[in-house]
C-alpha cells in the first residue's frame, strides 16, 4: 500500500531530519534567485544586453566546475565539501547582496564563485541524502525529498518577496537584509547536515550496510 509506505517514511525520525535539512537547503538558494535579474539590472547597473552574457558565462563555468566539485566531494568527504561550499556561498552572498553599481567583470567573478559554492553544497548534500534511507525506502524517500525541496523553494520565494521591496524605478531595497537571512539559513543547514553526516557514517560502518 503506497499510503502505508508513505506513513512509514514519515514515521522514521532520521528521515524527517533529512527532510528538515532539505527544507533549509532549498530556503537558502531560492530566496536570492527570483530577484537576481532585477537586482543585477537596477542595483548593479548591468544592462539588459549584458544579462544573458552573465548567465551564459556562469553556466559554462558551472559545466566545468560541477564535475570537479563532485570528484572533490568523493575525495575529501561529502560533509567537508558541504562546509566548504557553504562558507564560499555565505561569503559571496554577503558581498553580492551589498554591492552597488559594479563593473561587469567583477560581477562575473563574484557570480561564478557564488555558484561554485552553491553547486558544492547541492552536490555534496544530494550525495549524503542518497545514503540516508534504507534500500527498500530509497525511491519513496527521494521522491518525497524532491517534493519537499520544490515546496520549500516556493515558500522561500514567497518569504523573500515579503522582505525585499521594489521602488518605482525598479531599484530593489532590503536586498542586504535578504542576504543575512540566507546566511542564517546556510548556518542552520550546516548543523542539520552534521546530523545526517553522523547518521550516514554510523550506517555505512555496519558490516551489513546496504549501499
N, C-alpha and C. Protein backbone atom coordinates (compact mmCIF):
# COMPACT_ATOMS: atom_id res chain seq x y z
N UNK A 1 0.85 -1.19 0.00
CA UNK A 1 0.00 0.00 0.00
C UNK A 1 0.89 1.24 0.00
N UNK A 2 0.77 2.08 -1.03
CA UNK A 2 1.65 3.26 -1.10
C UNK A 2 1.45 4.24 0.05
N UNK A 3 0.22 4.35 0.54
CA UNK A 3 -0.04 5.29 1.65
C UNK A 3 0.58 4.78 2.95
N UNK A 4 0.53 3.45 3.14
CA UNK A 4 1.19 2.86 4.31
C UNK A 4 2.70 3.06 4.22
N UNK A 5 3.24 2.94 3.00
CA UNK A 5 4.67 3.15 2.79
C UNK A 5 5.03 4.61 3.08
N UNK A 6 4.18 5.53 2.63
CA UNK A 6 4.42 6.95 2.88
C UNK A 6 4.37 7.26 4.37
N UNK A 7 3.41 6.65 5.07
CA UNK A 7 3.32 6.83 6.52
C UNK A 7 4.57 6.33 7.20
N UNK A 8 5.09 5.20 6.72
CA UNK A 8 6.31 4.64 7.28
C UNK A 8 7.50 5.57 7.08
N UNK A 9 7.54 6.23 5.90
CA UNK A 9 8.63 7.17 5.62
C UNK A 9 8.64 8.30 6.64
N UNK A 10 7.47 8.85 6.94
CA UNK A 10 7.39 9.98 7.86
C UNK A 10 7.44 9.55 9.33
N UNK A 11 7.39 8.27 9.58
CA UNK A 11 7.48 7.79 10.96
C UNK A 11 8.93 7.57 11.39
N UNK A 12 9.86 7.61 10.44
CA UNK A 12 11.28 7.44 10.76
C UNK A 12 11.89 8.79 11.10
N UNK A 13 12.38 8.91 12.32
CA UNK A 13 12.89 10.20 12.81
C UNK A 13 14.04 10.72 11.94
N UNK A 14 14.93 9.82 11.53
CA UNK A 14 16.08 10.26 10.75
C UNK A 14 15.67 10.73 9.36
N UNK A 15 14.63 10.13 8.82
CA UNK A 15 14.12 10.58 7.52
C UNK A 15 13.56 11.99 7.65
N UNK A 16 12.83 12.23 8.73
CA UNK A 16 12.24 13.55 8.95
C UNK A 16 13.34 14.60 9.12
N UNK A 17 14.43 14.22 9.79
CA UNK A 17 15.57 15.15 9.93
C UNK A 17 16.17 15.45 8.55
N UNK A 18 16.20 14.44 7.71
CA UNK A 18 16.68 14.66 6.35
C UNK A 18 15.79 15.63 5.58
N UNK A 19 14.48 15.50 5.75
CA UNK A 19 13.55 16.41 5.09
C UNK A 19 13.71 17.84 5.62
N UNK A 20 13.98 17.97 6.92
CA UNK A 20 14.21 19.29 7.50
C UNK A 20 15.45 19.94 6.91
N UNK A 21 16.51 19.14 6.75
CA UNK A 21 17.74 19.67 6.15
C UNK A 21 17.49 20.09 4.71
N UNK A 22 16.70 19.32 3.98
CA UNK A 22 16.36 19.67 2.59
C UNK A 22 15.59 20.98 2.54
N UNK A 23 14.68 21.16 3.49
CA UNK A 23 13.89 22.40 3.54
C UNK A 23 14.80 23.61 3.70
N UNK A 24 15.73 23.54 4.64
CA UNK A 24 16.65 24.66 4.85
C UNK A 24 17.60 24.83 3.68
N UNK A 25 17.97 23.73 3.07
CA UNK A 25 18.88 23.78 1.91
C UNK A 25 18.23 24.55 0.76
N UNK A 26 16.96 24.25 0.52
CA UNK A 26 16.23 24.93 -0.56
C UNK A 26 15.97 26.40 -0.21
N UNK A 27 15.74 26.66 1.08
CA UNK A 27 15.44 28.03 1.50
C UNK A 27 16.59 28.98 1.16
N UNK A 28 17.80 28.55 1.45
CA UNK A 28 18.95 29.40 1.18
C UNK A 28 19.12 29.75 -0.28
N UNK A 29 18.87 28.78 -1.18
CA UNK A 29 19.09 29.03 -2.60
C UNK A 29 17.96 29.79 -3.28
N UNK A 30 16.72 29.43 -2.96
CA UNK A 30 15.58 30.00 -3.68
C UNK A 30 15.21 31.41 -3.23
N UNK A 31 15.80 31.90 -2.17
CA UNK A 31 15.49 33.26 -1.74
C UNK A 31 16.13 34.31 -2.64
N UNK A 32 17.33 34.03 -3.11
CA UNK A 32 18.05 35.02 -3.93
C UNK A 32 17.65 34.95 -5.40
N UNK A 33 17.40 33.76 -5.91
CA UNK A 33 17.24 33.56 -7.35
C UNK A 33 16.12 34.38 -8.00
N UNK A 34 14.92 34.47 -7.39
CA UNK A 34 13.83 35.16 -8.09
C UNK A 34 14.10 36.63 -8.39
N UNK A 35 14.99 37.24 -7.61
CA UNK A 35 15.22 38.67 -7.77
C UNK A 35 16.60 38.96 -8.37
N UNK A 36 17.30 37.92 -8.82
CA UNK A 36 18.66 38.10 -9.32
C UNK A 36 18.74 39.02 -10.52
N UNK A 37 17.83 38.84 -11.48
CA UNK A 37 17.88 39.67 -12.69
C UNK A 37 17.56 41.12 -12.40
N UNK A 38 16.50 41.34 -11.60
CA UNK A 38 16.11 42.71 -11.27
C UNK A 38 17.20 43.40 -10.46
N UNK A 39 17.80 42.68 -9.53
CA UNK A 39 18.88 43.25 -8.73
C UNK A 39 20.08 43.59 -9.60
N UNK A 40 20.40 42.71 -10.53
CA UNK A 40 21.53 42.94 -11.42
C UNK A 40 21.35 44.17 -12.29
N UNK A 41 20.15 44.35 -12.81
CA UNK A 41 19.90 45.47 -13.73
C UNK A 41 19.75 46.78 -12.98
N UNK A 42 18.93 46.80 -11.94
CA UNK A 42 18.57 48.06 -11.28
C UNK A 42 19.51 48.45 -10.14
N UNK A 43 20.20 47.49 -9.54
CA UNK A 43 21.09 47.82 -8.43
C UNK A 43 22.56 47.77 -8.82
N UNK A 44 22.93 46.78 -9.65
CA UNK A 44 24.34 46.62 -10.02
C UNK A 44 24.71 47.35 -11.29
N UNK A 45 23.71 47.81 -12.05
CA UNK A 45 23.99 48.57 -13.26
C UNK A 45 24.26 47.72 -14.49
N UNK A 46 23.85 46.46 -14.48
CA UNK A 46 24.01 45.60 -15.66
C UNK A 46 22.94 45.96 -16.68
N UNK A 47 23.32 46.08 -17.94
CA UNK A 47 22.33 46.38 -18.97
C UNK A 47 21.59 45.11 -19.35
N UNK A 48 20.44 45.26 -19.98
CA UNK A 48 19.65 44.10 -20.41
C UNK A 48 20.41 43.28 -21.45
N UNK A 49 21.28 43.91 -22.20
CA UNK A 49 22.08 43.20 -23.20
C UNK A 49 23.18 42.37 -22.54
N UNK A 50 23.66 42.82 -21.39
CA UNK A 50 24.74 42.12 -20.69
C UNK A 50 24.22 40.95 -19.85
N UNK A 51 22.95 40.99 -19.50
CA UNK A 51 22.38 39.98 -18.61
C UNK A 51 22.49 38.56 -19.18
N UNK A 52 22.11 38.33 -20.45
CA UNK A 52 22.28 36.97 -21.00
C UNK A 52 23.74 36.52 -21.01
N UNK A 53 24.66 37.47 -21.26
CA UNK A 53 26.09 37.14 -21.26
C UNK A 53 26.53 36.68 -19.87
N UNK A 54 26.04 37.35 -18.83
CA UNK A 54 26.38 36.99 -17.46
C UNK A 54 25.94 35.56 -17.15
N UNK A 55 24.70 35.24 -17.51
CA UNK A 55 24.18 33.90 -17.22
C UNK A 55 24.84 32.83 -18.08
N UNK A 56 25.17 33.19 -19.32
CA UNK A 56 25.80 32.21 -20.21
C UNK A 56 27.19 31.84 -19.72
N UNK A 57 27.99 32.86 -19.37
CA UNK A 57 29.35 32.60 -18.89
C UNK A 57 29.31 31.82 -17.58
N UNK A 58 28.39 32.20 -16.69
CA UNK A 58 28.25 31.47 -15.42
C UNK A 58 27.87 30.03 -15.67
N UNK A 59 26.94 29.79 -16.59
CA UNK A 59 26.51 28.43 -16.90
C UNK A 59 27.62 27.58 -17.48
N UNK A 60 28.40 28.15 -18.39
CA UNK A 60 29.52 27.42 -18.99
C UNK A 60 30.56 27.07 -17.92
N UNK A 61 30.82 28.01 -17.03
CA UNK A 61 31.79 27.75 -15.95
C UNK A 61 31.30 26.64 -15.02
N UNK A 62 29.98 26.60 -14.79
CA UNK A 62 29.44 25.56 -13.91
C UNK A 62 29.51 24.19 -14.56
N UNK A 63 29.45 24.14 -15.89
CA UNK A 63 29.64 22.86 -16.59
C UNK A 63 31.03 22.30 -16.33
N UNK A 64 31.98 23.19 -16.11
CA UNK A 64 33.35 22.78 -15.84
C UNK A 64 33.55 22.46 -14.36
N UNK A 65 33.02 23.34 -13.50
CA UNK A 65 33.30 23.22 -12.07
C UNK A 65 32.45 22.16 -11.37
N UNK A 66 31.21 21.94 -11.82
CA UNK A 66 30.33 21.00 -11.12
C UNK A 66 30.90 19.58 -11.05
N UNK A 67 31.41 19.02 -12.17
CA UNK A 67 32.03 17.69 -12.06
C UNK A 67 33.24 17.68 -11.12
N UNK A 68 33.97 18.79 -11.10
CA UNK A 68 35.12 18.88 -10.21
C UNK A 68 34.67 18.87 -8.75
N UNK A 69 33.54 19.55 -8.48
CA UNK A 69 33.00 19.56 -7.13
C UNK A 69 32.58 18.16 -6.70
N UNK A 70 32.00 17.41 -7.63
CA UNK A 70 31.61 16.04 -7.32
C UNK A 70 32.81 15.15 -7.02
N UNK A 71 33.84 15.28 -7.83
CA UNK A 71 35.07 14.49 -7.61
C UNK A 71 35.73 14.86 -6.30
N UNK A 72 35.81 16.15 -6.02
CA UNK A 72 36.42 16.61 -4.78
C UNK A 72 35.62 16.16 -3.57
N UNK A 73 34.30 16.14 -3.73
CA UNK A 73 33.43 15.68 -2.64
C UNK A 73 33.72 14.23 -2.28
N UNK A 74 33.97 13.40 -3.29
CA UNK A 74 34.30 11.99 -3.05
C UNK A 74 35.67 11.84 -2.39
N UNK A 75 36.60 12.74 -2.70
CA UNK A 75 37.96 12.61 -2.20
C UNK A 75 38.10 13.10 -0.77
N UNK A 76 37.55 14.27 -0.46
CA UNK A 76 37.78 14.85 0.87
C UNK A 76 36.64 14.56 1.84
N UNK A 77 35.53 14.05 1.34
CA UNK A 77 34.38 13.79 2.20
C UNK A 77 33.23 14.73 1.87
N UNK A 78 32.05 14.18 1.86
CA UNK A 78 30.88 14.96 1.43
C UNK A 78 30.53 16.07 2.41
N UNK A 79 30.63 15.79 3.70
CA UNK A 79 30.28 16.83 4.66
C UNK A 79 31.32 17.95 4.67
N UNK A 80 32.58 17.60 4.54
CA UNK A 80 33.63 18.63 4.44
C UNK A 80 33.39 19.52 3.21
N UNK A 81 33.03 18.87 2.12
CA UNK A 81 32.75 19.63 0.91
C UNK A 81 31.54 20.53 1.10
N UNK A 82 30.56 20.04 1.84
CA UNK A 82 29.37 20.84 2.12
C UNK A 82 29.73 22.08 2.94
N UNK A 83 30.59 21.91 3.94
CA UNK A 83 31.00 23.06 4.76
C UNK A 83 31.78 24.06 3.91
N UNK A 84 32.69 23.57 3.09
CA UNK A 84 33.48 24.46 2.23
C UNK A 84 32.55 25.24 1.29
N UNK A 85 31.62 24.52 0.66
CA UNK A 85 30.68 25.17 -0.25
C UNK A 85 29.81 26.19 0.47
N UNK A 86 29.39 25.87 1.69
CA UNK A 86 28.55 26.79 2.46
C UNK A 86 29.32 28.05 2.83
N UNK A 87 30.60 27.89 3.19
CA UNK A 87 31.42 29.06 3.53
C UNK A 87 31.62 29.96 2.31
N UNK A 88 31.90 29.34 1.16
CA UNK A 88 32.07 30.12 -0.07
C UNK A 88 30.77 30.84 -0.42
N UNK A 89 29.66 30.11 -0.36
CA UNK A 89 28.36 30.70 -0.69
C UNK A 89 27.99 31.81 0.27
N UNK A 90 28.29 31.62 1.57
CA UNK A 90 27.97 32.64 2.55
C UNK A 90 28.77 33.92 2.35
N UNK A 91 30.06 33.78 2.11
CA UNK A 91 30.92 34.96 1.90
C UNK A 91 30.50 35.71 0.63
N UNK A 92 30.26 34.96 -0.44
CA UNK A 92 29.87 35.59 -1.70
C UNK A 92 28.49 36.23 -1.62
N UNK A 93 27.59 35.61 -0.86
CA UNK A 93 26.26 36.20 -0.66
C UNK A 93 26.37 37.53 0.07
N UNK A 94 27.20 37.56 1.10
CA UNK A 94 27.41 38.79 1.86
C UNK A 94 27.96 39.90 0.97
N UNK A 95 28.91 39.56 0.12
CA UNK A 95 29.49 40.56 -0.79
C UNK A 95 28.49 40.97 -1.85
N UNK A 96 27.86 39.98 -2.49
CA UNK A 96 26.96 40.23 -3.61
C UNK A 96 25.76 41.09 -3.21
N UNK A 97 25.16 40.78 -2.08
CA UNK A 97 23.94 41.48 -1.67
C UNK A 97 24.19 42.91 -1.22
N UNK A 98 25.45 43.26 -0.95
CA UNK A 98 25.78 44.62 -0.51
C UNK A 98 26.46 45.44 -1.60
N UNK A 99 26.48 44.92 -2.84
CA UNK A 99 27.10 45.66 -3.94
C UNK A 99 26.22 46.81 -4.41
N UNK A 100 26.90 47.83 -4.93
CA UNK A 100 26.21 48.89 -5.66
C UNK A 100 26.50 48.71 -7.14
N UNK A 101 26.50 49.79 -7.88
CA UNK A 101 26.86 49.72 -9.30
C UNK A 101 28.29 49.22 -9.43
N UNK A 102 28.46 48.15 -10.20
CA UNK A 102 29.74 47.43 -10.25
C UNK A 102 30.07 47.05 -11.68
N UNK A 103 31.36 47.10 -12.08
CA UNK A 103 31.74 46.64 -13.42
C UNK A 103 31.36 45.18 -13.65
N UNK A 104 31.06 44.88 -14.90
CA UNK A 104 30.58 43.55 -15.25
C UNK A 104 31.60 42.46 -14.90
N UNK A 105 32.89 42.71 -15.11
CA UNK A 105 33.89 41.67 -14.88
C UNK A 105 33.97 41.29 -13.41
N UNK A 106 33.74 42.25 -12.51
CA UNK A 106 33.74 41.95 -11.08
C UNK A 106 32.49 41.14 -10.73
N UNK A 107 31.36 41.52 -11.30
CA UNK A 107 30.11 40.78 -11.06
C UNK A 107 30.25 39.34 -11.55
N UNK A 108 30.91 39.17 -12.68
CA UNK A 108 31.12 37.82 -13.22
C UNK A 108 31.91 36.95 -12.25
N UNK A 109 33.00 37.50 -11.71
CA UNK A 109 33.83 36.73 -10.77
C UNK A 109 33.03 36.36 -9.53
N UNK A 110 32.30 37.33 -8.99
CA UNK A 110 31.52 37.08 -7.78
C UNK A 110 30.41 36.07 -8.06
N UNK A 111 29.73 36.24 -9.19
CA UNK A 111 28.61 35.36 -9.53
C UNK A 111 29.08 33.92 -9.73
N UNK A 112 30.19 33.76 -10.45
CA UNK A 112 30.72 32.41 -10.68
C UNK A 112 31.15 31.76 -9.37
N UNK A 113 31.84 32.53 -8.53
CA UNK A 113 32.28 31.99 -7.24
C UNK A 113 31.09 31.61 -6.37
N UNK A 114 30.05 32.45 -6.39
CA UNK A 114 28.84 32.16 -5.62
C UNK A 114 28.21 30.84 -6.08
N UNK A 115 28.12 30.66 -7.39
CA UNK A 115 27.50 29.45 -7.90
C UNK A 115 28.38 28.22 -7.68
N UNK A 116 29.69 28.41 -7.62
CA UNK A 116 30.58 27.31 -7.26
C UNK A 116 30.26 26.83 -5.84
N UNK A 117 30.09 27.79 -4.93
CA UNK A 117 29.73 27.44 -3.56
C UNK A 117 28.38 26.75 -3.48
N UNK A 118 27.39 27.27 -4.21
CA UNK A 118 26.06 26.67 -4.21
C UNK A 118 26.11 25.26 -4.79
N UNK A 119 26.85 25.10 -5.88
CA UNK A 119 26.98 23.79 -6.51
C UNK A 119 27.65 22.79 -5.58
N UNK A 120 28.70 23.22 -4.88
CA UNK A 120 29.39 22.33 -3.94
C UNK A 120 28.45 21.88 -2.84
N UNK A 121 27.61 22.80 -2.36
CA UNK A 121 26.64 22.44 -1.32
C UNK A 121 25.62 21.43 -1.83
N UNK A 122 25.05 21.70 -3.00
CA UNK A 122 23.97 20.86 -3.52
C UNK A 122 24.46 19.46 -3.88
N UNK A 123 25.64 19.39 -4.49
CA UNK A 123 26.18 18.09 -4.90
C UNK A 123 26.50 17.22 -3.69
N UNK A 124 27.20 17.79 -2.72
CA UNK A 124 27.57 17.02 -1.53
C UNK A 124 26.35 16.67 -0.70
N UNK A 125 25.39 17.58 -0.59
CA UNK A 125 24.17 17.31 0.17
C UNK A 125 23.34 16.21 -0.48
N UNK A 126 23.24 16.24 -1.80
CA UNK A 126 22.49 15.20 -2.52
C UNK A 126 23.13 13.83 -2.32
N UNK A 127 24.47 13.80 -2.35
CA UNK A 127 25.18 12.53 -2.14
C UNK A 127 24.94 11.99 -0.74
N UNK A 128 24.93 12.88 0.26
CA UNK A 128 24.65 12.46 1.63
C UNK A 128 23.22 11.97 1.78
N UNK A 129 22.28 12.70 1.20
CA UNK A 129 20.87 12.35 1.32
C UNK A 129 20.56 10.99 0.71
N UNK A 130 21.26 10.65 -0.36
CA UNK A 130 21.02 9.37 -1.02
C UNK A 130 21.33 8.20 -0.10
N UNK A 131 22.27 8.40 0.83
CA UNK A 131 22.68 7.33 1.74
C UNK A 131 21.82 7.25 2.99
N UNK A 132 20.91 8.19 3.20
CA UNK A 132 20.09 8.20 4.41
C UNK A 132 19.08 7.04 4.44
N UNK A 133 18.25 6.84 3.41
CA UNK A 133 17.20 5.81 3.50
C UNK A 133 17.75 4.40 3.34
N UNK A 134 17.01 3.45 3.90
CA UNK A 134 17.32 2.06 3.64
C UNK A 134 17.02 1.77 2.17
N UNK A 135 17.59 0.69 1.67
CA UNK A 135 17.45 0.36 0.25
C UNK A 135 15.99 0.23 -0.16
N UNK A 136 15.17 -0.36 0.70
CA UNK A 136 13.75 -0.57 0.38
C UNK A 136 12.97 0.73 0.34
N UNK A 137 13.48 1.77 1.03
CA UNK A 137 12.77 3.05 1.12
C UNK A 137 13.36 4.12 0.21
N UNK A 138 14.42 3.79 -0.51
CA UNK A 138 15.18 4.84 -1.20
C UNK A 138 14.34 5.60 -2.23
N UNK A 139 13.57 4.89 -3.05
CA UNK A 139 12.76 5.55 -4.07
C UNK A 139 11.73 6.47 -3.46
N UNK A 140 11.02 5.98 -2.44
CA UNK A 140 9.98 6.78 -1.78
C UNK A 140 10.61 7.98 -1.07
N UNK A 141 11.72 7.74 -0.39
CA UNK A 141 12.38 8.84 0.33
C UNK A 141 12.81 9.94 -0.62
N UNK A 142 13.47 9.57 -1.72
CA UNK A 142 13.97 10.57 -2.65
C UNK A 142 12.83 11.29 -3.35
N UNK A 143 11.72 10.57 -3.60
CA UNK A 143 10.55 11.22 -4.20
C UNK A 143 9.95 12.26 -3.28
N UNK A 144 9.77 11.89 -2.01
CA UNK A 144 9.25 12.84 -1.03
C UNK A 144 10.23 14.00 -0.83
N UNK A 145 11.51 13.68 -0.78
CA UNK A 145 12.54 14.70 -0.58
C UNK A 145 12.52 15.73 -1.72
N UNK A 146 12.36 15.26 -2.94
CA UNK A 146 12.29 16.15 -4.10
C UNK A 146 11.07 17.06 -4.01
N UNK A 147 9.94 16.49 -3.60
CA UNK A 147 8.71 17.29 -3.46
C UNK A 147 8.87 18.35 -2.39
N UNK A 148 9.47 17.97 -1.27
CA UNK A 148 9.69 18.92 -0.18
C UNK A 148 10.62 20.04 -0.63
N UNK A 149 11.61 19.70 -1.43
CA UNK A 149 12.54 20.71 -1.94
C UNK A 149 11.80 21.74 -2.80
N UNK A 150 10.88 21.28 -3.65
CA UNK A 150 10.12 22.19 -4.50
C UNK A 150 9.19 23.07 -3.68
N UNK A 151 8.53 22.47 -2.69
CA UNK A 151 7.62 23.24 -1.83
C UNK A 151 8.41 24.28 -1.04
N UNK A 152 9.54 23.85 -0.47
CA UNK A 152 10.37 24.77 0.31
C UNK A 152 10.88 25.92 -0.55
N UNK A 153 11.20 25.62 -1.80
CA UNK A 153 11.65 26.68 -2.71
C UNK A 153 10.56 27.71 -2.96
N UNK A 154 9.33 27.23 -3.12
CA UNK A 154 8.21 28.15 -3.33
C UNK A 154 7.95 29.01 -2.10
N UNK A 155 8.00 28.40 -0.92
CA UNK A 155 7.80 29.15 0.32
C UNK A 155 8.93 30.16 0.52
N UNK A 156 10.16 29.76 0.20
CA UNK A 156 11.31 30.65 0.34
C UNK A 156 11.17 31.87 -0.58
N UNK A 157 10.70 31.64 -1.79
CA UNK A 157 10.50 32.75 -2.73
C UNK A 157 9.43 33.71 -2.21
N UNK A 158 8.38 33.14 -1.61
CA UNK A 158 7.32 33.96 -1.04
C UNK A 158 7.84 34.80 0.11
N UNK A 159 8.61 34.20 0.99
CA UNK A 159 9.18 34.93 2.13
C UNK A 159 10.14 36.02 1.67
N UNK A 160 10.94 35.70 0.64
CA UNK A 160 11.86 36.69 0.10
C UNK A 160 11.10 37.89 -0.46
N UNK A 161 9.94 37.61 -1.09
CA UNK A 161 9.12 38.69 -1.62
C UNK A 161 8.57 39.60 -0.55
N UNK A 162 8.42 39.07 0.66
CA UNK A 162 7.95 39.89 1.78
C UNK A 162 9.06 40.76 2.37
N UNK A 163 10.31 40.34 2.13
CA UNK A 163 11.45 41.09 2.69
C UNK A 163 11.87 42.22 1.77
N UNK A 164 12.05 41.93 0.50
CA UNK A 164 12.54 42.96 -0.44
C UNK A 164 11.38 43.82 -0.94
N UNK A 165 11.73 45.01 -1.37
CA UNK A 165 10.75 45.93 -1.94
C UNK A 165 11.33 46.53 -3.22
N UNK A 166 10.46 46.77 -4.18
CA UNK A 166 10.87 47.37 -5.44
C UNK A 166 10.33 48.79 -5.52
N UNK A 167 11.21 49.76 -5.76
CA UNK A 167 10.78 51.14 -5.89
C UNK A 167 10.20 51.39 -7.27
N UNK A 168 9.71 52.59 -7.49
CA UNK A 168 9.11 52.92 -8.78
C UNK A 168 10.12 52.88 -9.93
N UNK A 169 11.40 53.01 -9.59
CA UNK A 169 12.45 52.95 -10.62
C UNK A 169 12.96 51.53 -10.86
N UNK A 170 12.45 50.59 -10.08
CA UNK A 170 12.89 49.20 -10.21
C UNK A 170 13.99 48.82 -9.23
N UNK A 171 14.51 49.78 -8.47
CA UNK A 171 15.58 49.51 -7.51
C UNK A 171 15.06 48.56 -6.42
N UNK A 172 15.87 47.55 -6.08
CA UNK A 172 15.48 46.55 -5.09
C UNK A 172 16.02 46.97 -3.72
N UNK A 173 15.12 47.22 -2.79
CA UNK A 173 15.50 47.58 -1.43
C UNK A 173 15.51 46.35 -0.53
N UNK A 174 16.26 46.43 0.57
CA UNK A 174 16.36 45.37 1.59
C UNK A 174 17.05 44.11 1.08
N UNK A 175 17.78 44.20 -0.02
CA UNK A 175 18.49 43.03 -0.51
C UNK A 175 19.60 42.60 0.45
N UNK A 176 20.32 43.54 1.09
CA UNK A 176 21.31 43.10 2.09
C UNK A 176 20.67 42.31 3.23
N UNK A 177 19.47 42.75 3.68
CA UNK A 177 18.76 42.02 4.74
C UNK A 177 18.42 40.61 4.28
N UNK A 178 18.01 40.48 3.02
CA UNK A 178 17.72 39.17 2.46
C UNK A 178 18.98 38.30 2.47
N UNK A 179 20.12 38.91 2.18
CA UNK A 179 21.38 38.18 2.21
C UNK A 179 21.70 37.64 3.61
N UNK A 180 21.42 38.44 4.64
CA UNK A 180 21.66 37.99 6.01
C UNK A 180 20.75 36.81 6.38
N UNK A 181 19.52 36.85 5.90
CA UNK A 181 18.59 35.74 6.15
C UNK A 181 19.10 34.47 5.47
N UNK A 182 19.61 34.62 4.25
CA UNK A 182 20.15 33.47 3.52
C UNK A 182 21.36 32.90 4.26
N UNK A 183 22.23 33.76 4.77
CA UNK A 183 23.41 33.30 5.50
C UNK A 183 22.99 32.56 6.77
N UNK A 184 21.96 33.07 7.45
CA UNK A 184 21.45 32.37 8.64
C UNK A 184 20.94 30.98 8.28
N UNK A 185 20.28 30.87 7.12
CA UNK A 185 19.80 29.56 6.64
C UNK A 185 20.97 28.64 6.32
N UNK A 186 22.04 29.20 5.75
CA UNK A 186 23.23 28.40 5.45
C UNK A 186 23.84 27.81 6.73
N UNK A 187 23.92 28.64 7.76
CA UNK A 187 24.50 28.18 9.03
C UNK A 187 23.63 27.10 9.66
N UNK A 188 22.31 27.32 9.64
CA UNK A 188 21.39 26.33 10.21
C UNK A 188 21.50 25.00 9.47
N UNK A 189 21.67 25.07 8.16
CA UNK A 189 21.76 23.84 7.36
C UNK A 189 23.03 23.07 7.67
N UNK A 190 24.12 23.76 7.98
CA UNK A 190 25.36 23.07 8.34
C UNK A 190 25.14 22.18 9.55
N UNK A 191 24.42 22.68 10.56
CA UNK A 191 24.16 21.88 11.76
C UNK A 191 23.21 20.72 11.46
N UNK A 192 22.21 20.96 10.63
CA UNK A 192 21.28 19.89 10.26
C UNK A 192 21.98 18.80 9.47
N UNK A 193 22.85 19.21 8.55
CA UNK A 193 23.57 18.24 7.74
C UNK A 193 24.61 17.47 8.56
N UNK A 194 25.08 18.06 9.64
CA UNK A 194 26.02 17.33 10.50
C UNK A 194 25.35 16.09 11.08
N UNK A 195 24.09 16.24 11.49
CA UNK A 195 23.33 15.10 12.00
C UNK A 195 23.19 14.01 10.94
N UNK A 196 22.92 14.43 9.70
CA UNK A 196 22.80 13.49 8.59
C UNK A 196 24.15 12.80 8.36
N UNK A 197 25.21 13.57 8.41
CA UNK A 197 26.56 13.04 8.19
C UNK A 197 26.90 11.97 9.22
N UNK A 198 26.63 12.23 10.49
CA UNK A 198 26.94 11.27 11.54
C UNK A 198 26.10 10.00 11.39
N UNK A 199 24.84 10.17 11.00
CA UNK A 199 23.96 9.01 10.81
C UNK A 199 24.47 8.14 9.66
N UNK A 200 24.83 8.78 8.55
CA UNK A 200 25.32 8.03 7.39
C UNK A 200 26.62 7.32 7.71
N UNK A 201 27.52 8.00 8.45
CA UNK A 201 28.78 7.37 8.85
C UNK A 201 28.53 6.11 9.68
N UNK A 202 27.62 6.23 10.65
CA UNK A 202 27.31 5.08 11.51
C UNK A 202 26.66 3.96 10.72
N UNK A 203 25.82 4.34 9.79
CA UNK A 203 25.11 3.34 8.97
C UNK A 203 26.07 2.59 8.06
N UNK A 204 26.97 3.32 7.42
CA UNK A 204 27.90 2.69 6.48
C UNK A 204 28.99 1.90 7.19
N UNK A 205 29.19 2.16 8.48
CA UNK A 205 30.20 1.41 9.23
C UNK A 205 29.71 0.02 9.62
N UNK A 206 28.39 -0.21 9.49
CA UNK A 206 27.83 -1.52 9.81
C UNK A 206 28.24 -2.52 8.72
N UNK A 207 28.62 -3.73 9.11
CA UNK A 207 29.07 -4.72 8.12
C UNK A 207 28.03 -5.06 7.08
N UNK A 208 26.75 -5.05 7.46
CA UNK A 208 25.70 -5.44 6.53
C UNK A 208 25.00 -4.25 5.90
N UNK A 209 25.68 -3.09 5.90
CA UNK A 209 25.06 -1.88 5.35
C UNK A 209 24.76 -2.06 3.87
N UNK A 210 23.52 -1.69 3.49
CA UNK A 210 23.12 -1.79 2.08
C UNK A 210 23.44 -0.49 1.38
N UNK A 211 24.27 -0.53 0.37
CA UNK A 211 24.71 0.69 -0.33
C UNK A 211 23.81 0.96 -1.50
